[in-house]
Amino acid sequence: MVPFDFYPRTRIVFGPGAIAQLGALAGELGARRALVVSDRGVVQAG
């Protein structure tokens, strides 16, 4: 196995109403578009 160092810079925003922050968070990153991925299980989980 080849040695490596993996240090992802990831921000996770979680909790009720988190989706309402999407526009502001995307703006902070300079993004103009966002891709939101969901499925039936996520919807059923609430």
C-alpha atoms as a PDB file:
ATOM      1  CA  MET A   1       0.000   0.000   0.000  1.00  0.00           C
ATOM      2  CA  VAL A   2       1.234   3.485  -0.855  1.00  0.00           C
ATOM      3  CA  PRO A   3       1.388   5.850   2.135  1.00  0.00           C
ATOM      4  CA  PHE A   4      -0.701   8.994   1.906  1.00  0.00           C
ATOM      5  CA  ASP A   5      -2.121  11.793   3.994  1.00  0.00           C
ATOM      6  CA  PHE A   6      -5.763  12.668   3.296  1.00  0.00           C
ATOM      7  CA  TYR A   7      -6.925  15.930   4.820  1.00  0.00           C
ATOM      8  CA  PRO A   8     -10.287  16.957   3.342  1.00  0.00           C
ATOM      9  CA  ARG A   9     -11.529  20.433   4.079  1.00  0.00           C
ATOM     10  CA  THR A  10     -15.187  19.702   4.550  1.00  0.00           C
ATOM     11  CA  ARG A  11     -17.941  21.661   6.223  1.00  0.00           C
ATOM     12  CA  ILE A  12     -21.096  19.812   7.241  1.00  0.00           C
ATOM     13  CA  VAL A  13     -24.198  21.781   8.209  1.00  0.00           C
ATOM     14  CA  PHE A  14     -26.762  19.501   9.810  1.00  0.00           C
ATOM     15  CA  GLY A  15     -30.086  19.848  11.574  1.00  0.00           C
ATOM     16  CA  PRO A  16     -33.614  21.125  11.217  1.00  0.00           C
ATOM     17  CA  GLY A  17     -33.750  24.118   8.906  1.00  0.00           C
ATOM     18  CA  ALA A  18     -30.204  23.578   7.609  1.00  0.00           C
ATOM     19  CA  ILE A  19     -31.434  23.697   4.007  1.00  0.00           C
ATOM     20  CA  ALA A  20     -32.616  27.270   4.615  1.00  0.00           C
ATOM     21  CA  GLN A  21     -28.954  28.278   4.962  1.00  0.00           C
ATOM     22  CA  LEU A  22     -27.994  26.838   1.577  1.00  0.00           C
ATOM     23  CA  GLY A  23     -28.105  30.124  -0.343  1.00  0.00           C
ATOM     24  CA  ALA A  24     -25.974  32.002   2.174  1.00  0.00           C
ATOM     25  CA  LEU A  25     -23.466  29.163   2.470  1.00  0.00           C
ATOM     26  CA  ALA A  26     -23.144  28.865  -1.299  1.00  0.00           C
ATOM     27  CA  GLY A  27     -22.634  32.620  -1.527  1.00  0.00           C
ATOM     28  CA  GLU A  28     -19.795  32.449   1.010  1.00  0.00           C
ATOM     29  CA  LEU A  29     -18.042  29.995  -1.302  1.00  0.00           C
ATOM     30  CA  GLY A  30     -18.679  32.109  -4.382  1.00  0.00           C
ATOM     31  CA  ALA A  31     -20.914  29.403  -5.825  1.00  0.00           C
ATOM     32  CA  ARG A  32     -23.717  30.235  -8.204  1.00  0.00           C
ATOM     33  CA  ARG A  33     -25.268  26.769  -8.222  1.00  0.00           C
ATOM     34  CA  ALA A  34     -25.681  23.880  -5.810  1.00  0.00           C
ATOM     35  CA  LEU A  35     -26.345  20.184  -6.293  1.00  0.00           C
ATOM     36  CA  VAL A  36     -28.548  18.698  -3.584  1.00  0.00           C
ATOM     37  CA  VAL A  37     -28.771  14.912  -3.602  1.00  0.00           C
ATOM     38  CA  SER A  38     -31.573  13.127  -1.814  1.00  0.00           C
ATOM     39  CA  ASP A  39     -33.509   9.900  -2.051  1.00  0.00           C
ATOM     40  CA  ARG A  40     -36.710   8.381  -0.775  1.00  0.00           C
ATOM     41  CA  GLY A  41     -35.012   7.108   2.409  1.00  0.00           C
ATOM     42  CA  VAL A  42     -33.801  10.574   3.349  1.00  0.00           C
ATOM     43  CA  VAL A  43     -37.251  12.027   2.757  1.00  0.00           C
ATOM     44  CA  GLN A  44     -38.900   9.285   4.848  1.00  0.00           C
ATOM     45  CA  ALA A  45     -36.406   9.834   7.671  1.00  0.00           C
ATOM     46  CA  GLY A  46     -37.589  13.422   7.911  1.00  0.00           C
END
